[in-house]
Amino acid sequence: MSNKTEILEEYVAATDKLNDLKLREAQSPCPVTDETIVIQPQFGDEMNELTRKCAQLNMILEAMEASED
């Protein structure tokens, strides 16, 4: 098992990557047209995976905090 510092570094890196993907997704240009368009997420799968990873790492960090009390 990794130590708290390594887990925290991994969590920060995953959170930063997720925020970057969300920003890039939001800045994707939409075509200018009068027709109805369907917007498909460009980074959907990767963002879902990172969201899941961040949640898991956060739970581990919270458990480590609780055990230190």
N, C-alpha and C. Protein backbone atom coordinates (compact mmCIF):
# COMPACT_ATOMS: atom_id res chain seq x y z
N MET A 1 0.85 -1.19 0.00
CA MET A 1 0.00 0.00 0.00
C MET A 1 0.89 1.24 0.00
N SER A 2 0.49 2.20 -0.79
CA SER A 2 1.24 3.44 -0.88
C SER A 2 1.06 4.27 0.38
N ASN A 3 2.01 5.16 0.61
CA ASN A 3 1.84 6.03 1.77
C ASN A 3 0.94 7.21 1.41
N LYS A 4 0.56 7.96 2.41
CA LYS A 4 -0.41 9.04 2.24
C LYS A 4 0.08 10.08 1.23
N THR A 5 1.34 10.41 1.26
CA THR A 5 1.89 11.42 0.35
C THR A 5 1.76 10.97 -1.11
N GLU A 6 2.06 9.70 -1.37
CA GLU A 6 1.95 9.18 -2.74
C GLU A 6 0.50 9.17 -3.21
N ILE A 7 -0.41 8.79 -2.34
CA ILE A 7 -1.82 8.77 -2.69
C ILE A 7 -2.32 10.19 -2.94
N LEU A 8 -1.90 11.12 -2.10
CA LEU A 8 -2.29 12.52 -2.28
C LEU A 8 -1.76 13.07 -3.60
N GLU A 9 -0.52 12.76 -3.94
CA GLU A 9 0.05 13.20 -5.22
C GLU A 9 -0.72 12.62 -6.40
N GLU A 10 -1.09 11.35 -6.30
CA GLU A 10 -1.86 10.70 -7.36
C GLU A 10 -3.24 11.34 -7.48
N TYR A 11 -3.85 11.65 -6.34
CA TYR A 11 -5.16 12.30 -6.32
C TYR A 11 -5.10 13.68 -6.97
N VAL A 12 -4.10 14.46 -6.62
CA VAL A 12 -3.95 15.80 -7.20
C VAL A 12 -3.72 15.71 -8.70
N ALA A 13 -2.90 14.77 -9.15
CA ALA A 13 -2.63 14.62 -10.57
C ALA A 13 -3.90 14.22 -11.32
N ALA A 14 -4.67 13.29 -10.76
CA ALA A 14 -5.91 12.86 -11.40
C ALA A 14 -6.93 13.99 -11.44
N THR A 15 -7.03 14.75 -10.36
CA THR A 15 -7.95 15.88 -10.30
C THR A 15 -7.56 16.95 -11.31
N ASP A 16 -6.28 17.25 -11.41
CA ASP A 16 -5.80 18.24 -12.38
C ASP A 16 -6.12 17.80 -13.81
N LYS A 17 -5.88 16.52 -14.11
CA LYS A 17 -6.15 15.98 -15.45
C LYS A 17 -7.64 16.05 -15.75
N LEU A 18 -8.48 15.70 -14.75
CA LEU A 18 -9.92 15.75 -14.93
C LEU A 18 -10.38 17.19 -15.19
N ASN A 19 -9.88 18.13 -14.43
CA ASN A 19 -10.24 19.54 -14.63
C ASN A 19 -9.81 20.03 -16.01
N ASP A 20 -8.64 19.59 -16.46
CA ASP A 20 -8.15 19.97 -17.79
C ASP A 20 -9.07 19.42 -18.87
N LEU A 21 -9.48 18.16 -18.74
CA LEU A 21 -10.37 17.56 -19.73
C LEU A 21 -11.74 18.25 -19.74
N LYS A 22 -12.24 18.60 -18.56
CA LYS A 22 -13.52 19.31 -18.48
C LYS A 22 -13.42 20.67 -19.18
N LEU A 23 -12.32 21.36 -18.97
CA LEU A 23 -12.12 22.66 -19.61
C LEU A 23 -12.03 22.52 -21.12
N ARG A 24 -11.26 21.53 -21.57
CA ARG A 24 -11.13 21.29 -23.01
C ARG A 24 -12.47 20.90 -23.63
N GLU A 25 -13.24 20.10 -22.90
CA GLU A 25 -14.56 19.69 -23.38
C GLU A 25 -15.47 20.90 -23.53
N ALA A 26 -15.43 21.79 -22.55
CA ALA A 26 -16.29 22.97 -22.56
C ALA A 26 -15.89 23.95 -23.67
N GLN A 27 -14.64 23.94 -24.06
CA GLN A 27 -14.16 24.88 -25.07
C GLN A 27 -14.25 24.33 -26.49
N SER A 28 -14.73 23.09 -26.64
CA SER A 28 -14.85 22.51 -27.98
C SER A 28 -15.83 23.33 -28.80
N PRO A 29 -15.44 23.70 -30.00
CA PRO A 29 -16.33 24.53 -30.82
C PRO A 29 -17.54 23.73 -31.30
N CYS A 30 -18.68 24.41 -31.35
CA CYS A 30 -19.90 23.82 -31.88
C CYS A 30 -20.11 24.37 -33.29
N PRO A 31 -20.54 23.53 -34.21
CA PRO A 31 -20.77 24.03 -35.56
C PRO A 31 -21.93 25.02 -35.57
N VAL A 32 -21.82 26.03 -36.41
CA VAL A 32 -22.87 27.03 -36.55
C VAL A 32 -23.82 26.54 -37.64
N THR A 33 -25.02 26.21 -37.23
CA THR A 33 -26.01 25.69 -38.17
C THR A 33 -27.40 25.90 -37.61
N ASP A 34 -28.38 25.88 -38.50
CA ASP A 34 -29.76 25.99 -38.07
C ASP A 34 -30.35 24.62 -37.74
N GLU A 35 -29.62 23.57 -38.08
CA GLU A 35 -30.10 22.22 -37.82
C GLU A 35 -29.83 21.83 -36.38
N THR A 36 -30.61 20.88 -35.91
CA THR A 36 -30.38 20.34 -34.57
C THR A 36 -29.09 19.54 -34.58
N ILE A 37 -28.26 19.78 -33.58
CA ILE A 37 -27.02 19.01 -33.49
C ILE A 37 -27.02 18.21 -32.20
N VAL A 38 -26.33 17.10 -32.23
CA VAL A 38 -26.16 16.27 -31.05
C VAL A 38 -24.72 16.42 -30.60
N ILE A 39 -24.54 16.86 -29.38
CA ILE A 39 -23.20 17.06 -28.85
C ILE A 39 -22.76 15.78 -28.15
N GLN A 40 -21.70 15.21 -28.63
CA GLN A 40 -21.15 14.00 -28.03
C GLN A 40 -19.91 14.38 -27.23
N PRO A 41 -19.80 13.88 -26.01
CA PRO A 41 -18.60 14.20 -25.23
C PRO A 41 -17.35 13.63 -25.91
N GLN A 42 -16.37 14.48 -26.03
CA GLN A 42 -15.12 14.07 -26.67
C GLN A 42 -14.26 13.25 -25.72
N PHE A 43 -14.31 13.58 -24.43
CA PHE A 43 -13.45 12.91 -23.45
C PHE A 43 -14.29 12.17 -22.40
N GLY A 44 -15.50 11.79 -22.74
CA GLY A 44 -16.43 11.20 -21.78
C GLY A 44 -15.90 10.00 -21.04
N ASP A 45 -15.36 9.02 -21.75
CA ASP A 45 -14.87 7.80 -21.10
C ASP A 45 -13.71 8.09 -20.15
N GLU A 46 -12.79 8.91 -20.61
CA GLU A 46 -11.63 9.24 -19.79
C GLU A 46 -12.05 10.05 -18.56
N MET A 47 -13.00 10.97 -18.75
CA MET A 47 -13.47 11.76 -17.61
C MET A 47 -14.21 10.87 -16.61
N ASN A 48 -15.00 9.91 -17.09
CA ASN A 48 -15.68 8.99 -16.17
C ASN A 48 -14.67 8.17 -15.37
N GLU A 49 -13.65 7.68 -16.04
CA GLU A 49 -12.61 6.89 -15.36
C GLU A 49 -11.88 7.73 -14.32
N LEU A 50 -11.52 8.96 -14.68
CA LEU A 50 -10.83 9.83 -13.74
C LEU A 50 -11.72 10.22 -12.56
N THR A 51 -13.01 10.43 -12.82
CA THR A 51 -13.94 10.74 -11.74
C THR A 51 -14.01 9.59 -10.76
N ARG A 52 -14.09 8.37 -11.28
CA ARG A 52 -14.12 7.18 -10.42
C ARG A 52 -12.82 7.04 -9.63
N LYS A 53 -11.70 7.27 -10.29
CA LYS A 53 -10.41 7.17 -9.62
C LYS A 53 -10.28 8.21 -8.52
N CYS A 54 -10.70 9.45 -8.80
CA CYS A 54 -10.64 10.51 -7.79
C CYS A 54 -11.50 10.17 -6.59
N ALA A 55 -12.67 9.61 -6.83
CA ALA A 55 -13.56 9.24 -5.72
C ALA A 55 -12.92 8.15 -4.86
N GLN A 56 -12.31 7.17 -5.50
CA GLN A 56 -11.65 6.10 -4.75
C GLN A 56 -10.48 6.63 -3.94
N LEU A 57 -9.66 7.46 -4.55
CA LEU A 57 -8.51 8.01 -3.84
C LEU A 57 -8.97 8.90 -2.69
N ASN A 58 -10.04 9.65 -2.91
CA ASN A 58 -10.56 10.51 -1.85
C ASN A 58 -11.04 9.67 -0.67
N MET A 59 -11.72 8.55 -0.95
CA MET A 59 -12.16 7.67 0.13
C MET A 59 -10.98 7.12 0.92
N ILE A 60 -9.93 6.75 0.23
CA ILE A 60 -8.73 6.23 0.89
C ILE A 60 -8.11 7.30 1.78
N LEU A 61 -8.00 8.53 1.25
CA LEU A 61 -7.43 9.63 2.03
C LEU A 61 -8.29 9.94 3.26
N GLU A 62 -9.62 9.92 3.09
CA GLU A 62 -10.50 10.17 4.24
C GLU A 62 -10.35 9.09 5.30
N ALA A 63 -10.21 7.84 4.85
CA ALA A 63 -10.03 6.74 5.80
C ALA A 63 -8.70 6.87 6.54
N MET A 64 -7.67 7.30 5.83
CA MET A 64 -6.36 7.50 6.46
C MET A 64 -6.45 8.63 7.50
N GLU A 65 -7.16 9.70 7.14
CA GLU A 65 -7.35 10.81 8.08
C GLU A 65 -8.08 10.34 9.33
N ALA A 66 -9.13 9.57 9.14
CA ALA A 66 -9.93 9.09 10.25
C ALA A 66 -9.12 8.17 11.16
N SER A 67 -8.24 7.37 10.57
CA SER A 67 -7.45 6.45 11.40
C SER A 67 -6.36 7.17 12.18
N GLU A 68 -5.99 8.38 11.73
CA GLU A 68 -4.97 9.15 12.43
C GLU A 68 -5.54 9.83 13.67
N ASP A 69 -6.86 10.03 13.68
CA ASP A 69 -7.50 10.70 14.84
C ASP A 69 -7.56 9.83 16.06
